[in-house]
């Protein structure tokens, strides 16, 4: 029931602007979140050539990014006849006060990072994005895929366990157990959270968040197919996290490893692999 929302609520989606490109259009849109506020997104649609309805891919960015992160890839997919929707995660819509000191802003940031409601809203906003895609005449509701990177791959694993309208999931460098990372990692971000939260509150928060670890959900992804993409030089995702994610996933599943960093910098091979895999899965 954590991810329940009223599917009869209107999407109330709005188009704010449109950019006509050669062979496709990029629309700046937003739609209502059942948890409040509007979800900003880019909707990329191929021109009306060939047969419709078309397959579609939903994108969620890494924590270091936003809805623009996957826009170039979405534009390249348009050339393959694929509709794309790339959304902003809820944490990007939280306001951080500019009047606070650096230390106070760090506390505010940590509080946002451990807010369970934002993670639940992330999954609900993704489900609502599928509602939007399936409402479009141009989209084939039986051929929807998902691509998530880091934050998008971590919560994409949860999404895969609760959303049965998506046929194929690509999860790039996601956490299988983000709560374990927060407890054990020596990364400066993990250190910051442990320093700011009192020990008792830290344990309480992450005990509650354990129920949202992706390993509890990815096992229920079937009948959807899953492609994992990991890198060997990842400052966040160690091999144990990756192996646990892979082992927990339902089948069919595939795994590919790359020589790159957490952000897949300059790794065109990874994009080519997921494009070819999505074309195969979605037809």
Protein backbone atom coordinates (compact mmCIF):
# COMPACT_ATOMS: atom_id res chain seq x y z
CA UNK A 1 0.00 0.00 0.00
CA UNK A 2 3.03 2.31 0.25
CA UNK A 3 2.86 3.10 -3.44
CA UNK A 4 -0.93 3.29 -3.79
CA UNK A 5 -2.43 6.35 -5.42
CA UNK A 6 -5.80 7.21 -6.89
CA UNK A 7 -5.50 6.34 -10.58
CA UNK A 8 -8.71 8.25 -11.32
CA UNK A 9 -7.06 11.59 -10.48
CA UNK A 10 -6.63 13.79 -13.56
CA UNK A 11 -3.08 14.03 -14.89
CA UNK A 12 -3.66 17.73 -15.63
CA UNK A 13 -0.63 17.68 -17.87
CA UNK A 14 0.41 20.92 -19.48
CA UNK A 15 2.66 21.75 -22.40
CA UNK A 16 4.82 24.78 -21.64
CA UNK A 17 6.79 24.94 -24.87
CA UNK A 18 7.71 22.84 -27.89
CA UNK A 19 10.90 22.72 -29.95
CA UNK A 20 10.53 21.28 -33.44
CA UNK A 21 13.68 19.43 -34.49
CA UNK A 22 14.52 17.52 -37.67
CA UNK A 23 12.34 14.43 -37.47
CA UNK A 24 11.07 14.88 -33.90
CA UNK A 25 9.73 17.34 -31.30
CA UNK A 26 10.80 18.10 -27.73
CA UNK A 27 8.02 19.27 -25.43
CA UNK A 28 8.59 20.86 -22.03
CA UNK A 29 5.64 19.53 -20.02
CA UNK A 30 4.48 18.89 -16.47
CA UNK A 31 1.86 16.70 -14.82
CA UNK A 32 0.30 16.43 -11.38
CA UNK A 33 1.96 14.29 -8.72
CA UNK A 34 -0.51 12.47 -6.46
CA UNK A 35 1.78 13.57 -3.60
CA UNK A 36 1.46 17.23 -4.52
CA UNK A 37 3.00 19.66 -6.97
CA UNK A 38 3.83 19.28 -10.64
CA UNK A 39 6.36 16.86 -12.15
CA UNK A 40 8.52 18.62 -14.78
CA UNK A 41 9.36 16.44 -17.78
CA UNK A 42 10.53 16.39 -21.38
CA UNK A 43 8.38 14.50 -23.86
CA UNK A 44 10.21 13.61 -27.08
CA UNK A 45 8.05 12.41 -29.97
CA UNK A 46 9.12 11.31 -33.46
CA UNK A 47 7.35 12.95 -36.38
CA UNK A 48 4.28 11.16 -37.65
CA UNK A 49 6.10 8.97 -40.14
CA UNK A 50 5.52 5.24 -40.47
CA UNK A 51 3.22 3.23 -38.30
CA UNK A 52 1.79 4.19 -34.93
CA UNK A 53 1.44 3.50 -32.09
CA UNK A 54 5.12 3.56 -31.17
CA UNK A 55 7.17 2.10 -28.30
CA UNK A 56 8.13 4.47 -25.48
CA UNK A 57 10.91 4.77 -22.91
CA UNK A 58 10.67 6.44 -19.51
CA UNK A 59 13.90 7.91 -18.08
CA UNK A 60 14.99 8.82 -14.53
CA UNK A 61 18.32 10.58 -14.03
CA UNK A 62 21.18 10.05 -11.53
CA UNK A 63 21.25 12.03 -8.29
CA UNK A 64 23.78 14.39 -9.88
CA UNK A 65 21.44 15.12 -12.79
CA UNK A 66 17.93 16.13 -13.79
CA UNK A 67 15.42 15.55 -16.60
CA UNK A 68 17.94 16.98 -19.08
CA UNK A 69 20.46 14.21 -18.34
CA UNK A 70 18.89 11.72 -20.73
CA UNK A 71 17.53 14.28 -23.22
CA UNK A 72 20.30 13.75 -25.83
CA UNK A 73 19.75 9.99 -25.64
CA UNK A 74 15.99 10.46 -25.94
CA UNK A 75 16.53 12.59 -29.03
CA UNK A 76 18.69 9.88 -30.58
CA UNK A 77 16.00 7.28 -29.79
CA UNK A 78 13.48 9.42 -31.66
CA UNK A 79 15.38 8.57 -34.83
CA UNK A 80 14.59 4.92 -34.06
CA UNK A 81 10.88 5.68 -33.78
CA UNK A 82 10.73 5.68 -29.98
CA UNK A 83 8.80 8.15 -27.80
CA UNK A 84 10.61 9.23 -24.62
CA UNK A 85 9.57 10.83 -21.34
CA UNK A 86 12.30 12.09 -18.98
CA UNK A 87 11.18 13.36 -15.58
CA UNK A 88 12.63 15.26 -12.61
CA UNK A 89 12.83 13.36 -9.31
CA UNK A 90 10.88 14.88 -6.38
CA UNK A 91 14.03 15.90 -4.47
CA UNK A 92 14.83 18.42 -7.21
CA UNK A 93 11.59 20.19 -6.37
CA UNK A 94 12.57 20.74 -2.74
CA UNK A 95 13.73 24.25 -1.94
CA UNK A 96 17.07 24.72 -0.17
CA UNK A 97 17.24 28.11 1.52
CA UNK A 98 19.95 30.42 0.18
CA UNK A 99 19.96 32.36 3.46
CA UNK A 100 21.38 29.49 5.52
CA UNK A 101 25.05 29.00 6.33
CA UNK A 102 26.98 26.20 4.64
CA UNK A 103 26.64 24.03 7.74
CA UNK A 104 22.89 24.68 7.98
CA UNK A 105 22.45 23.88 4.29
CA UNK A 106 24.32 20.59 4.83
CA UNK A 107 21.84 19.68 7.57
CA UNK A 108 18.92 20.61 5.29
CA UNK A 109 20.39 18.50 2.48
CA UNK A 110 20.85 15.47 4.74
CA UNK A 111 17.30 15.77 6.05
CA UNK A 112 16.09 15.71 2.45
CA UNK A 113 18.26 12.66 1.66
CA UNK A 114 16.68 10.58 4.43
CA UNK A 115 13.07 11.62 3.84
CA UNK A 116 11.16 8.39 3.18
CA UNK A 117 8.20 10.23 1.69
CA UNK A 118 10.34 11.58 -1.16
CA UNK A 119 11.44 8.07 -2.14
CA UNK A 120 7.87 6.82 -2.11
CA UNK A 121 6.85 9.82 -4.20
CA UNK A 122 9.62 9.00 -6.70
CA UNK A 123 8.05 5.59 -7.38
CA UNK A 124 4.53 7.02 -7.51
CA UNK A 125 5.61 9.79 -9.91
CA UNK A 126 7.12 7.11 -12.18
CA UNK A 127 3.85 5.16 -12.13
CA UNK A 128 2.03 8.37 -12.97
CA UNK A 129 4.45 8.87 -15.87
CA UNK A 130 3.32 5.50 -17.23
CA UNK A 131 -0.27 6.72 -16.87
CA UNK A 132 0.68 9.70 -19.02
CA UNK A 133 2.44 7.62 -21.68
CA UNK A 134 -0.44 5.15 -21.96
CA UNK A 135 -2.87 8.06 -22.38
CA UNK A 136 -1.12 9.17 -25.59
CA UNK A 137 -2.48 7.85 -28.89
CA UNK A 138 1.05 7.75 -30.33
CA UNK A 139 2.26 5.27 -27.67
CA UNK A 140 1.80 1.51 -27.73
CA UNK A 141 0.88 0.69 -24.11
CA UNK A 142 2.28 -2.83 -24.52
CA UNK A 143 5.76 -1.59 -25.51
CA UNK A 144 7.04 0.64 -22.71
CA UNK A 145 10.60 0.53 -21.40
CA UNK A 146 12.46 2.22 -18.55
CA UNK A 147 16.03 3.50 -18.16
CA UNK A 148 17.34 4.65 -14.77
CA UNK A 149 20.85 5.68 -13.77
CA UNK A 150 22.20 5.64 -10.18
CA UNK A 151 19.29 7.25 -8.25
CA UNK A 152 17.10 6.28 -11.19
CA UNK A 153 18.44 2.70 -11.13
CA UNK A 154 18.06 2.32 -7.36
CA UNK A 155 14.44 3.46 -7.31
CA UNK A 156 13.93 1.91 -10.73
CA UNK A 157 14.44 -1.46 -9.05
CA UNK A 158 11.63 -0.68 -6.64
CA UNK A 159 9.51 0.62 -9.52
CA UNK A 160 10.11 -2.65 -11.41
CA UNK A 161 8.58 -4.59 -8.54
CA UNK A 162 5.35 -2.61 -8.41
CA UNK A 163 4.69 -1.51 -12.01
CA UNK A 164 3.58 -4.25 -14.40
CA UNK A 165 2.92 -2.10 -17.48
CA UNK A 166 6.64 -1.75 -18.26
CA UNK A 167 8.09 -4.48 -20.46
CA UNK A 168 11.85 -3.83 -20.10
CA UNK A 169 14.05 -2.15 -17.48
CA UNK A 170 17.62 -0.88 -17.90
CA UNK A 171 19.25 -0.20 -14.51
CA UNK A 172 22.60 1.60 -14.66
CA UNK A 173 24.83 1.55 -11.57
CA UNK A 174 22.10 1.35 -8.95
CA UNK A 175 22.20 0.35 -5.27
CA UNK A 176 20.76 -3.01 -4.31
CA UNK A 177 20.82 -1.99 -0.63
CA UNK A 178 21.25 1.77 -0.26
CA UNK A 179 20.83 1.48 3.52
CA UNK A 180 23.90 -0.78 3.72
CA UNK A 181 25.90 1.78 1.74
CA UNK A 182 24.90 4.53 4.17
CA UNK A 183 25.94 2.38 7.13
CA UNK A 184 29.27 1.11 5.81
CA UNK A 185 30.63 3.32 3.02
CA UNK A 186 33.62 5.56 3.55
CA UNK A 187 32.43 7.92 0.80
CA UNK A 188 32.26 11.59 1.93
CA UNK A 189 28.49 11.71 1.31
CA UNK A 190 27.90 8.71 3.58
CA UNK A 191 30.25 10.20 6.18
CA UNK A 192 28.32 13.48 6.10
CA UNK A 193 25.01 11.75 6.82
CA UNK A 194 26.51 9.80 9.74
CA UNK A 195 28.10 12.97 11.15
CA UNK A 196 24.94 15.08 11.01
CA UNK A 197 22.33 12.60 12.20
CA UNK A 198 22.54 11.59 15.89
CA UNK A 199 23.30 7.89 16.15
CA UNK A 200 19.88 6.92 17.53
CA UNK A 201 18.06 8.85 14.79
CA UNK A 202 20.40 7.46 12.13
CA UNK A 203 19.56 3.89 13.16
CA UNK A 204 15.83 4.65 13.31
CA UNK A 205 15.79 6.30 9.88
CA UNK A 206 17.70 3.57 8.10
CA UNK A 207 15.80 0.80 9.84
CA UNK A 208 12.66 2.29 8.29
CA UNK A 209 14.30 2.78 4.89
CA UNK A 210 15.44 -0.86 4.74
CA UNK A 211 11.95 -1.79 3.58
CA UNK A 212 12.61 0.31 0.45
CA UNK A 213 15.89 -1.36 -0.54
CA UNK A 214 15.68 -2.42 -4.17
CA UNK A 215 16.51 -6.09 -3.48
CA UNK A 216 13.04 -6.53 -1.96
CA UNK A 217 11.35 -5.46 -5.21
CA UNK A 218 13.54 -6.39 -8.18
CA UNK A 219 12.71 -10.05 -7.56
CA UNK A 220 9.15 -9.23 -8.68
CA UNK A 221 10.08 -7.57 -11.97
CA UNK A 222 9.04 -10.58 -14.11
CA UNK A 223 7.63 -10.96 -16.66
CA UNK A 224 9.55 -7.80 -17.58
CA UNK A 225 13.15 -8.21 -18.74
CA UNK A 226 16.00 -6.48 -16.88
CA UNK A 227 19.35 -5.27 -18.22
CA UNK A 228 21.90 -4.26 -15.58
CA UNK A 229 24.78 -1.99 -16.57
CA UNK A 230 27.67 -1.57 -14.13
CA UNK A 231 31.18 -0.09 -14.33
CA UNK A 232 34.43 -1.41 -12.87
CA UNK A 233 35.61 1.95 -11.49
CA UNK A 234 32.51 3.05 -9.58
CA UNK A 235 33.12 5.29 -6.55
CA UNK A 236 29.63 4.51 -5.21
CA UNK A 237 28.58 1.01 -6.28
CA UNK A 238 31.01 -1.73 -5.22
CA UNK A 239 30.95 -5.23 -6.66
CA UNK A 240 29.08 -6.63 -3.67
CA UNK A 241 26.22 -4.16 -4.20
CA UNK A 242 26.17 -5.01 -7.91
CA UNK A 243 26.28 -8.77 -7.35
CA UNK A 244 23.45 -8.62 -4.81
CA UNK A 245 21.29 -6.63 -7.24
CA UNK A 246 21.91 -9.11 -10.04
CA UNK A 247 21.30 -12.16 -7.84
CA UNK A 248 18.06 -10.75 -6.44
CA UNK A 249 16.54 -9.96 -9.85
CA UNK A 250 13.93 -12.12 -11.48
CA UNK A 251 14.56 -13.58 -14.90
CA UNK A 252 14.91 -12.84 -17.75
CA UNK A 253 17.90 -10.65 -16.88
CA UNK A 254 21.19 -9.68 -18.50
CA UNK A 255 24.32 -7.96 -17.16
CA UNK A 256 26.98 -5.86 -18.88
CA UNK A 257 30.13 -4.36 -17.35
CA UNK A 258 32.11 -1.38 -18.67
CA UNK A 259 35.41 0.38 -18.12
CA UNK A 260 34.19 3.78 -16.99
CA UNK A 261 33.20 5.79 -13.92
CA UNK A 262 29.90 6.03 -12.05
CA UNK A 263 28.51 8.53 -14.56
CA UNK A 264 29.53 6.35 -17.56
CA UNK A 265 31.63 9.28 -18.81
CA UNK A 266 32.45 8.88 -22.47
CA UNK A 267 30.99 5.37 -22.52
CA UNK A 268 29.14 5.36 -25.81
CA UNK A 269 29.27 1.57 -25.80
CA UNK A 270 26.83 1.47 -22.86
CA UNK A 271 24.32 3.70 -24.65
CA UNK A 272 24.60 1.62 -27.83
CA UNK A 273 24.07 -1.59 -25.84
CA UNK A 274 20.93 -0.36 -24.10
CA UNK A 275 19.54 1.11 -27.33
CA UNK A 276 19.99 -2.20 -29.15
CA UNK A 277 18.58 -4.12 -26.16
CA UNK A 278 15.54 -1.85 -25.91
CA UNK A 279 14.87 -2.11 -29.64
CA UNK A 280 14.99 -5.90 -29.31
CA UNK A 281 12.72 -5.94 -26.25
CA UNK A 282 10.20 -3.36 -27.46
CA UNK A 283 10.20 -4.26 -31.15
